[in-house]
Amino acid sequence: MAKAITGLRMALAGLALLALGACAEIIRNHGYTPSDEDLAAVTVGKDNRESVAAKVGRPSAGGLMADSGWYYVQSRWSHRGARAPQEVDRQVLAISFDTGGRVANIERFGLQDGQVVALSRRITESNVRGVGFIRQMMGNLGRFDAGQFIRQGL
């Protein structure tokens, strides 16, 4: 009997350790931004796209306006147990080029500089609020003309 209780206690202790381990924080890094040491090799006004690519690498995102800039994005996410992942750090490095393809500006932005921008909305904006399906269908009955459904000239 004493062995069974000791075994049960050991099993419960192991289960408690597994449950605590499942709640441990997991940090995940996504993306890449060049370090300040790497960027020190890039000279504004002198370097072009090819030399920047050789010094710090090409980014995974580019500008929308005729390849006007390169954007390096790196983010760090914290995962804790069953909670939704939370972004704890973000770095965006923007290298802008002039019309001749030379580096015009280098800027670094952090999570505190960011702003949530809706790139796509999946909400239908309409005036049908408060109007039921049957009412919509009945409202369309008088809007049709029989000539719209009969081909003329047959």
N, C-alpha and C. Protein backbone atom coordinates (compact mmCIF):
# COMPACT_ATOMS: atom_id res chain seq x y z
N MET A 1 0.82 -1.19 0.00
CA MET A 1 0.00 0.00 0.00
C MET A 1 0.87 1.25 0.00
N ALA A 2 1.94 1.23 0.78
CA ALA A 2 2.83 2.39 0.87
C ALA A 2 3.54 2.61 -0.46
N LYS A 3 3.86 1.51 -1.17
CA LYS A 3 4.50 1.64 -2.48
C LYS A 3 3.55 2.27 -3.49
N ALA A 4 2.28 1.92 -3.42
CA ALA A 4 1.29 2.47 -4.34
C ALA A 4 1.11 3.97 -4.12
N ILE A 5 1.09 4.40 -2.87
CA ILE A 5 0.94 5.82 -2.55
C ILE A 5 2.18 6.60 -3.00
N THR A 6 3.35 6.01 -2.77
CA THR A 6 4.59 6.66 -3.20
C THR A 6 4.63 6.77 -4.73
N GLY A 7 4.21 5.72 -5.42
CA GLY A 7 4.16 5.74 -6.88
C GLY A 7 3.17 6.77 -7.40
N LEU A 8 2.04 6.88 -6.72
CA LEU A 8 1.03 7.86 -7.10
C LEU A 8 1.56 9.28 -6.89
N ARG A 9 2.25 9.51 -5.79
CA ARG A 9 2.84 10.82 -5.54
C ARG A 9 3.88 11.18 -6.60
N MET A 10 4.70 10.21 -6.96
CA MET A 10 5.71 10.44 -7.99
C MET A 10 5.06 10.76 -9.33
N ALA A 11 3.99 10.05 -9.66
CA ALA A 11 3.28 10.30 -10.91
C ALA A 11 2.66 11.69 -10.92
N LEU A 12 2.06 12.09 -9.79
CA LEU A 12 1.46 13.43 -9.69
C LEU A 12 2.54 14.51 -9.77
N ALA A 13 3.68 14.28 -9.14
CA ALA A 13 4.77 15.25 -9.21
C ALA A 13 5.28 15.38 -10.65
N GLY A 14 5.42 14.26 -11.34
CA GLY A 14 5.84 14.30 -12.75
C GLY A 14 4.84 15.02 -13.62
N LEU A 15 3.56 14.78 -13.37
CA LEU A 15 2.50 15.45 -14.12
C LEU A 15 2.51 16.95 -13.86
N ALA A 16 2.76 17.34 -12.61
CA ALA A 16 2.83 18.77 -12.27
C ALA A 16 4.02 19.43 -12.96
N LEU A 17 5.17 18.74 -13.02
CA LEU A 17 6.33 19.28 -13.72
C LEU A 17 6.06 19.43 -15.22
N LEU A 18 5.38 18.47 -15.82
CA LEU A 18 5.03 18.58 -17.23
C LEU A 18 4.08 19.75 -17.48
N ALA A 19 3.12 19.94 -16.59
CA ALA A 19 2.17 21.06 -16.75
C ALA A 19 2.89 22.40 -16.63
N LEU A 20 3.83 22.50 -15.69
CA LEU A 20 4.59 23.74 -15.56
C LEU A 20 5.49 23.97 -16.76
N GLY A 21 6.06 22.91 -17.30
CA GLY A 21 6.91 23.03 -18.48
C GLY A 21 6.14 23.48 -19.71
N ALA A 22 4.87 23.11 -19.80
CA ALA A 22 4.05 23.52 -20.93
C ALA A 22 3.75 25.01 -20.89
N CYS A 23 3.84 25.62 -19.72
CA CYS A 23 3.56 27.04 -19.58
C CYS A 23 4.81 27.90 -19.73
N ALA A 24 5.96 27.29 -19.94
CA ALA A 24 7.20 28.05 -20.06
C ALA A 24 7.17 28.91 -21.32
N GLU A 25 7.82 30.06 -21.24
CA GLU A 25 7.84 31.00 -22.37
C GLU A 25 8.75 30.47 -23.48
N ILE A 26 8.25 30.55 -24.71
CA ILE A 26 9.03 30.19 -25.89
C ILE A 26 9.17 31.45 -26.73
N ILE A 27 10.39 31.83 -27.06
CA ILE A 27 10.66 33.01 -27.87
C ILE A 27 10.97 32.56 -29.29
N ARG A 28 10.30 33.17 -30.27
CA ARG A 28 10.55 32.85 -31.67
C ARG A 28 10.94 34.13 -32.41
N ASN A 29 12.00 34.02 -33.18
CA ASN A 29 12.47 35.15 -33.98
C ASN A 29 12.11 34.92 -35.44
N HIS A 30 11.64 35.97 -36.09
CA HIS A 30 11.26 35.91 -37.50
C HIS A 30 11.94 37.06 -38.23
N GLY A 31 12.45 36.79 -39.41
CA GLY A 31 13.01 37.84 -40.25
C GLY A 31 14.46 38.17 -39.92
N TYR A 32 14.94 39.22 -40.57
CA TYR A 32 16.35 39.62 -40.45
C TYR A 32 16.48 41.11 -40.67
N THR A 33 17.24 41.77 -39.80
CA THR A 33 17.67 43.15 -40.02
C THR A 33 19.18 43.20 -39.80
N PRO A 34 19.90 43.88 -40.68
CA PRO A 34 21.35 44.00 -40.50
C PRO A 34 21.68 44.77 -39.23
N SER A 35 22.79 44.41 -38.61
CA SER A 35 23.22 45.09 -37.39
C SER A 35 23.78 46.47 -37.74
N ASP A 36 23.95 47.30 -36.73
CA ASP A 36 24.52 48.64 -36.93
C ASP A 36 25.96 48.55 -37.44
N GLU A 37 26.68 47.52 -37.01
CA GLU A 37 28.05 47.32 -37.49
C GLU A 37 28.07 47.04 -39.00
N ASP A 38 27.13 46.20 -39.47
CA ASP A 38 27.03 45.92 -40.91
C ASP A 38 26.63 47.17 -41.69
N LEU A 39 25.71 47.96 -41.11
CA LEU A 39 25.24 49.18 -41.79
C LEU A 39 26.31 50.26 -41.85
N ALA A 40 27.30 50.20 -40.97
CA ALA A 40 28.37 51.19 -40.98
C ALA A 40 29.16 51.12 -42.29
N ALA A 41 29.12 49.96 -42.96
CA ALA A 41 29.83 49.80 -44.23
C ALA A 41 29.08 50.42 -45.40
N VAL A 42 27.80 50.76 -45.20
CA VAL A 42 26.98 51.34 -46.27
C VAL A 42 27.06 52.86 -46.16
N THR A 43 27.41 53.51 -47.27
CA THR A 43 27.56 54.96 -47.28
C THR A 43 26.43 55.59 -48.10
N VAL A 44 25.70 56.51 -47.47
CA VAL A 44 24.61 57.22 -48.14
C VAL A 44 25.20 58.07 -49.25
N GLY A 45 24.61 57.98 -50.44
CA GLY A 45 25.05 58.76 -51.59
C GLY A 45 26.11 58.07 -52.43
N LYS A 46 26.78 57.06 -51.91
CA LYS A 46 27.82 56.37 -52.66
C LYS A 46 27.43 54.96 -53.06
N ASP A 47 26.87 54.20 -52.11
CA ASP A 47 26.52 52.80 -52.39
C ASP A 47 25.26 52.71 -53.24
N ASN A 48 25.18 51.66 -54.05
CA ASN A 48 24.00 51.39 -54.86
C ASN A 48 23.39 50.06 -54.43
N ARG A 49 22.36 49.62 -55.13
CA ARG A 49 21.67 48.39 -54.76
C ARG A 49 22.60 47.18 -54.73
N GLU A 50 23.45 47.07 -55.71
CA GLU A 50 24.34 45.92 -55.79
C GLU A 50 25.34 45.90 -54.63
N SER A 51 25.91 47.06 -54.29
CA SER A 51 26.88 47.10 -53.20
C SER A 51 26.20 46.89 -51.85
N VAL A 52 24.97 47.39 -51.70
CA VAL A 52 24.23 47.15 -50.45
C VAL A 52 23.92 45.66 -50.32
N ALA A 53 23.54 45.03 -51.42
CA ALA A 53 23.25 43.59 -51.39
C ALA A 53 24.49 42.80 -51.02
N ALA A 54 25.66 43.23 -51.49
CA ALA A 54 26.90 42.53 -51.16
C ALA A 54 27.30 42.75 -49.70
N LYS A 55 26.99 43.93 -49.15
CA LYS A 55 27.42 44.25 -47.78
C LYS A 55 26.47 43.72 -46.71
N VAL A 56 25.16 43.82 -46.92
CA VAL A 56 24.20 43.41 -45.88
C VAL A 56 23.18 42.39 -46.36
N GLY A 57 23.17 42.05 -47.63
CA GLY A 57 22.21 41.09 -48.15
C GLY A 57 20.95 41.75 -48.66
N ARG A 58 20.20 40.99 -49.44
CA ARG A 58 18.94 41.50 -49.98
C ARG A 58 17.79 41.24 -49.00
N PRO A 59 16.84 42.16 -48.94
CA PRO A 59 15.70 41.96 -48.03
C PRO A 59 14.66 41.05 -48.66
N SER A 60 13.70 40.66 -47.85
CA SER A 60 12.60 39.85 -48.35
C SER A 60 11.44 40.72 -48.82
N ALA A 61 11.49 42.03 -48.58
CA ALA A 61 10.41 42.94 -48.99
C ALA A 61 11.02 44.17 -49.65
N GLY A 62 10.34 44.66 -50.68
CA GLY A 62 10.79 45.86 -51.38
C GLY A 62 9.69 46.88 -51.44
N GLY A 63 10.03 48.09 -51.89
CA GLY A 63 9.06 49.17 -52.00
C GLY A 63 8.09 48.92 -53.14
N LEU A 64 6.93 49.50 -53.04
CA LEU A 64 5.91 49.33 -54.07
C LEU A 64 6.08 50.30 -55.23
N MET A 65 6.72 51.42 -55.00
CA MET A 65 6.84 52.46 -56.01
C MET A 65 8.14 52.29 -56.80
N ALA A 66 8.13 51.50 -57.83
CA ALA A 66 9.26 51.33 -58.75
C ALA A 66 10.56 51.01 -58.00
N ASP A 67 10.49 50.10 -57.06
CA ASP A 67 11.68 49.65 -56.32
C ASP A 67 12.42 50.82 -55.67
N SER A 68 11.67 51.67 -54.97
CA SER A 68 12.25 52.86 -54.36
C SER A 68 12.99 52.56 -53.06
N GLY A 69 12.73 51.44 -52.45
CA GLY A 69 13.40 51.15 -51.18
C GLY A 69 13.39 49.67 -50.85
N TRP A 70 14.26 49.33 -49.91
CA TRP A 70 14.33 47.96 -49.40
C TRP A 70 13.95 48.01 -47.93
N TYR A 71 13.21 46.98 -47.48
CA TYR A 71 12.74 46.94 -46.11
C TYR A 71 13.12 45.59 -45.49
N TYR A 72 13.91 45.66 -44.43
CA TYR A 72 14.30 44.48 -43.67
C TYR A 72 13.43 44.47 -42.41
N VAL A 73 12.77 43.36 -42.15
CA VAL A 73 11.85 43.28 -41.02
C VAL A 73 12.22 42.09 -40.13
N GLN A 74 12.33 42.35 -38.85
CA GLN A 74 12.62 41.30 -37.87
C GLN A 74 11.67 41.48 -36.71
N SER A 75 11.09 40.38 -36.24
CA SER A 75 10.19 40.46 -35.09
C SER A 75 10.47 39.31 -34.13
N ARG A 76 10.14 39.54 -32.89
CA ARG A 76 10.32 38.55 -31.83
C ARG A 76 8.97 38.33 -31.17
N TRP A 77 8.55 37.07 -31.09
CA TRP A 77 7.24 36.71 -30.55
C TRP A 77 7.42 35.86 -29.30
N SER A 78 6.57 36.08 -28.32
CA SER A 78 6.56 35.31 -27.09
C SER A 78 5.34 34.41 -27.08
N HIS A 79 5.57 33.11 -26.87
CA HIS A 79 4.49 32.12 -26.76
C HIS A 79 4.50 31.59 -25.33
N ARG A 80 3.36 31.67 -24.67
CA ARG A 80 3.24 31.16 -23.29
C ARG A 80 2.01 30.28 -23.19
N GLY A 81 2.24 29.01 -23.07
CA GLY A 81 1.14 28.06 -22.86
C GLY A 81 0.07 28.17 -23.93
N ALA A 82 -1.16 28.24 -23.48
CA ALA A 82 -2.29 28.29 -24.41
C ALA A 82 -2.66 29.71 -24.82
N ARG A 83 -1.93 30.70 -24.32
CA ARG A 83 -2.23 32.09 -24.70
C ARG A 83 -1.85 32.35 -26.15
N ALA A 84 -2.44 33.37 -26.72
CA ALA A 84 -2.11 33.77 -28.09
C ALA A 84 -0.70 34.36 -28.10
N PRO A 85 0.05 34.13 -29.16
CA PRO A 85 1.40 34.70 -29.25
C PRO A 85 1.34 36.23 -29.19
N GLN A 86 2.37 36.82 -28.58
CA GLN A 86 2.42 38.28 -28.44
C GLN A 86 3.75 38.77 -29.00
N GLU A 87 3.68 39.80 -29.84
CA GLU A 87 4.89 40.39 -30.40
C GLU A 87 5.53 41.27 -29.34
N VAL A 88 6.79 40.97 -29.00
CA VAL A 88 7.47 41.72 -27.95
C VAL A 88 8.51 42.67 -28.52
N ASP A 89 8.94 42.48 -29.76
CA ASP A 89 9.92 43.38 -30.36
C ASP A 89 9.80 43.31 -31.87
N ARG A 90 9.98 44.47 -32.51
CA ARG A 90 9.98 44.53 -33.98
C ARG A 90 10.98 45.58 -34.41
N GLN A 91 11.78 45.24 -35.40
CA GLN A 91 12.72 46.18 -35.99
C GLN A 91 12.46 46.21 -37.49
N VAL A 92 12.31 47.41 -38.03
CA VAL A 92 12.16 47.60 -39.47
C VAL A 92 13.27 48.53 -39.91
N LEU A 93 14.06 48.07 -40.85
CA LEU A 93 15.14 48.88 -41.41
C LEU A 93 14.75 49.24 -42.83
N ALA A 94 14.68 50.52 -43.12
CA ALA A 94 14.29 51.00 -44.45
C ALA A 94 15.51 51.66 -45.10
N ILE A 95 15.89 51.14 -46.26
CA ILE A 95 16.96 51.75 -47.05
C ILE A 95 16.30 52.30 -48.31
N SER A 96 16.32 53.62 -48.45
CA SER A 96 15.70 54.28 -49.60
C SER A 96 16.76 54.56 -50.65
N PHE A 97 16.35 54.48 -51.92
CA PHE A 97 17.24 54.74 -53.04
C PHE A 97 16.71 55.92 -53.84
N ASP A 98 17.61 56.71 -54.42
CA ASP A 98 17.20 57.81 -55.27
C ASP A 98 16.94 57.27 -56.68
N THR A 99 16.60 58.16 -57.61
CA THR A 99 16.28 57.73 -58.97
C THR A 99 17.48 57.13 -59.69
N GLY A 100 18.68 57.45 -59.26
CA GLY A 100 19.89 56.87 -59.86
C GLY A 100 20.27 55.53 -59.26
N GLY A 101 19.51 55.06 -58.26
CA GLY A 101 19.79 53.76 -57.65
C GLY A 101 20.78 53.82 -56.51
N ARG A 102 21.15 55.02 -56.06
CA ARG A 102 22.09 55.17 -54.94
C ARG A 102 21.31 55.32 -53.62
N VAL A 103 21.96 54.94 -52.52
CA VAL A 103 21.33 55.01 -51.21
C VAL A 103 21.03 56.47 -50.87
N ALA A 104 19.77 56.78 -50.57
CA ALA A 104 19.36 58.14 -50.22
C ALA A 104 19.16 58.30 -48.72
N ASN A 105 18.72 57.23 -48.04
CA ASN A 105 18.45 57.34 -46.60
C ASN A 105 18.42 55.94 -45.98
N ILE A 106 18.83 55.87 -44.71
CA ILE A 106 18.76 54.63 -43.94
C ILE A 106 18.04 54.96 -42.64
N GLU A 107 16.93 54.28 -42.37
CA GLU A 107 16.14 54.53 -41.16
C GLU A 107 15.83 53.21 -40.47
N ARG A 108 15.80 53.25 -39.14
CA ARG A 108 15.43 52.07 -38.36
C ARG A 108 14.24 52.44 -37.49
N PHE A 109 13.23 51.57 -37.48
CA PHE A 109 12.03 51.79 -36.69
C PHE A 109 11.83 50.61 -35.75
N GLY A 110 11.27 50.88 -34.57
CA GLY A 110 10.99 49.83 -33.60
C GLY A 110 9.50 49.62 -33.42
N LEU A 111 9.17 48.69 -32.55
CA LEU A 111 7.76 48.38 -32.27
C LEU A 111 7.02 49.60 -31.76
N GLN A 112 7.69 50.44 -30.98
CA GLN A 112 7.04 51.64 -30.44
C GLN A 112 6.70 52.64 -31.54
N ASP A 113 7.39 52.58 -32.69
CA ASP A 113 7.11 53.48 -33.80
C ASP A 113 6.00 52.97 -34.69
N GLY A 114 5.65 51.70 -34.52
CA GLY A 114 4.69 51.06 -35.41
C GLY A 114 3.27 51.50 -35.17
N GLN A 115 2.47 51.30 -36.17
CA GLN A 115 1.06 51.62 -36.10
C GLN A 115 0.32 50.52 -36.84
N VAL A 116 -0.77 50.05 -36.30
CA VAL A 116 -1.54 49.00 -36.94
C VAL A 116 -2.23 49.59 -38.16
N VAL A 117 -1.99 48.97 -39.32
CA VAL A 117 -2.57 49.41 -40.57
C VAL A 117 -3.36 48.26 -41.16
N ALA A 118 -4.63 48.48 -41.43
CA ALA A 118 -5.46 47.44 -42.03
C ALA A 118 -5.15 47.38 -43.53
N LEU A 119 -4.48 46.30 -43.95
CA LEU A 119 -4.16 46.14 -45.36
C LEU A 119 -5.34 45.58 -46.14
N SER A 120 -6.20 44.86 -45.47
CA SER A 120 -7.35 44.26 -46.12
C SER A 120 -8.49 44.18 -45.12
N ARG A 121 -9.66 44.60 -45.52
CA ARG A 121 -10.83 44.49 -44.66
C ARG A 121 -11.80 43.53 -45.29
N ARG A 122 -12.33 42.65 -44.52
CA ARG A 122 -13.29 41.67 -45.01
C ARG A 122 -14.68 41.94 -44.44
N ILE A 123 -15.03 43.21 -44.39
CA ILE A 123 -16.32 43.61 -43.85
C ILE A 123 -17.12 44.26 -44.97
N THR A 124 -18.34 43.83 -45.17
CA THR A 124 -19.19 44.40 -46.19
C THR A 124 -19.86 45.65 -45.62
N GLU A 125 -19.59 46.76 -46.25
CA GLU A 125 -20.24 48.01 -45.86
C GLU A 125 -21.51 48.16 -46.69
N SER A 126 -22.65 48.09 -46.06
CA SER A 126 -23.90 48.23 -46.80
C SER A 126 -24.95 48.85 -45.89
N ASN A 127 -26.09 49.12 -46.49
CA ASN A 127 -27.16 49.76 -45.74
C ASN A 127 -28.27 48.77 -45.40
N VAL A 128 -27.98 47.50 -45.28
CA VAL A 128 -29.02 46.50 -45.03
C VAL A 128 -29.17 46.17 -43.56
N ARG A 129 -28.61 46.98 -42.70
CA ARG A 129 -28.75 46.72 -41.27
C ARG A 129 -30.20 46.89 -40.85
N GLY A 130 -30.69 45.93 -40.14
CA GLY A 130 -32.05 46.00 -39.63
C GLY A 130 -33.10 45.60 -40.65
N VAL A 131 -32.70 45.22 -41.85
CA VAL A 131 -33.64 44.80 -42.88
C VAL A 131 -33.47 43.29 -43.05
N GLY A 132 -34.55 42.55 -42.85
CA GLY A 132 -34.49 41.10 -42.95
C GLY A 132 -34.45 40.62 -44.40
N PHE A 133 -34.16 39.34 -44.57
CA PHE A 133 -34.04 38.74 -45.90
C PHE A 133 -35.36 38.82 -46.67
N ILE A 134 -36.46 38.47 -46.04
CA ILE A 134 -37.77 38.49 -46.71
C ILE A 134 -38.12 39.91 -47.14
N ARG A 135 -37.85 40.88 -46.31
CA ARG A 135 -38.15 42.27 -46.63
C ARG A 135 -37.33 42.73 -47.84
N GLN A 136 -36.07 42.30 -47.91
CA GLN A 136 -35.24 42.64 -49.07
C GLN A 136 -35.81 42.04 -50.34
N MET A 137 -36.23 40.78 -50.27
CA MET A 137 -36.77 40.11 -51.46
C MET A 137 -38.09 40.74 -51.91
N MET A 138 -38.95 41.05 -50.96
CA MET A 138 -40.24 41.65 -51.30
C MET A 138 -40.06 43.07 -51.83
N GLY A 139 -39.03 43.76 -51.39
CA GLY A 139 -38.78 45.12 -51.85
C GLY A 139 -38.34 45.17 -53.30
N ASN A 140 -37.83 44.08 -53.84
CA ASN A 140 -37.37 44.04 -55.23
C ASN A 140 -38.45 43.64 -56.22
N LEU A 141 -39.63 43.22 -55.76
CA LEU A 141 -40.66 42.71 -56.67
C LEU A 141 -41.12 43.76 -57.67
N GLY A 142 -41.30 44.98 -57.29
CA GLY A 142 -41.81 45.99 -58.20
C GLY A 142 -40.75 46.66 -59.05
N ARG A 143 -39.52 46.27 -58.96
CA ARG A 143 -38.44 46.94 -59.65
C ARG A 143 -38.09 46.31 -61.00
N PHE A 144 -38.78 45.28 -61.38
CA PHE A 144 -38.47 44.59 -62.63
C PHE A 144 -39.51 44.92 -63.69
N ASP A 145 -39.08 44.89 -64.94
CA ASP A 145 -39.95 45.09 -66.08
C ASP A 145 -39.90 43.81 -66.90
N ALA A 146 -41.02 43.35 -67.40
CA ALA A 146 -41.07 42.10 -68.16
C ALA A 146 -40.18 42.17 -69.40
N GLY A 147 -39.99 43.34 -69.95
CA GLY A 147 -39.13 43.51 -71.13
C GLY A 147 -37.68 43.19 -70.84
N GLN A 148 -37.27 43.25 -69.61
CA GLN A 148 -35.90 42.92 -69.25
C GLN A 148 -35.61 41.43 -69.39
N PHE A 149 -36.67 40.61 -69.33
CA PHE A 149 -36.47 39.18 -69.35
C PHE A 149 -36.80 38.55 -70.71
N ILE A 150 -37.41 39.30 -71.61
CA ILE A 150 -37.77 38.79 -72.92
C ILE A 150 -36.86 39.39 -73.96
N ARG A 151 -36.24 38.52 -74.74
CA ARG A 151 -35.36 39.02 -75.79
C ARG A 151 -36.21 39.56 -76.94
N GLN A 152 -35.92 40.73 -77.35
CA GLN A 152 -36.68 41.31 -78.44
C GLN A 152 -35.96 41.04 -79.75
N GLY A 153 -36.70 40.84 -80.79
CA GLY A 153 -36.14 40.60 -82.11
C GLY A 153 -35.95 39.13 -82.41
N LEU A 154 -36.59 38.22 -81.62
CA LEU A 154 -36.48 36.79 -81.92
C LEU A 154 -37.49 36.35 -82.89
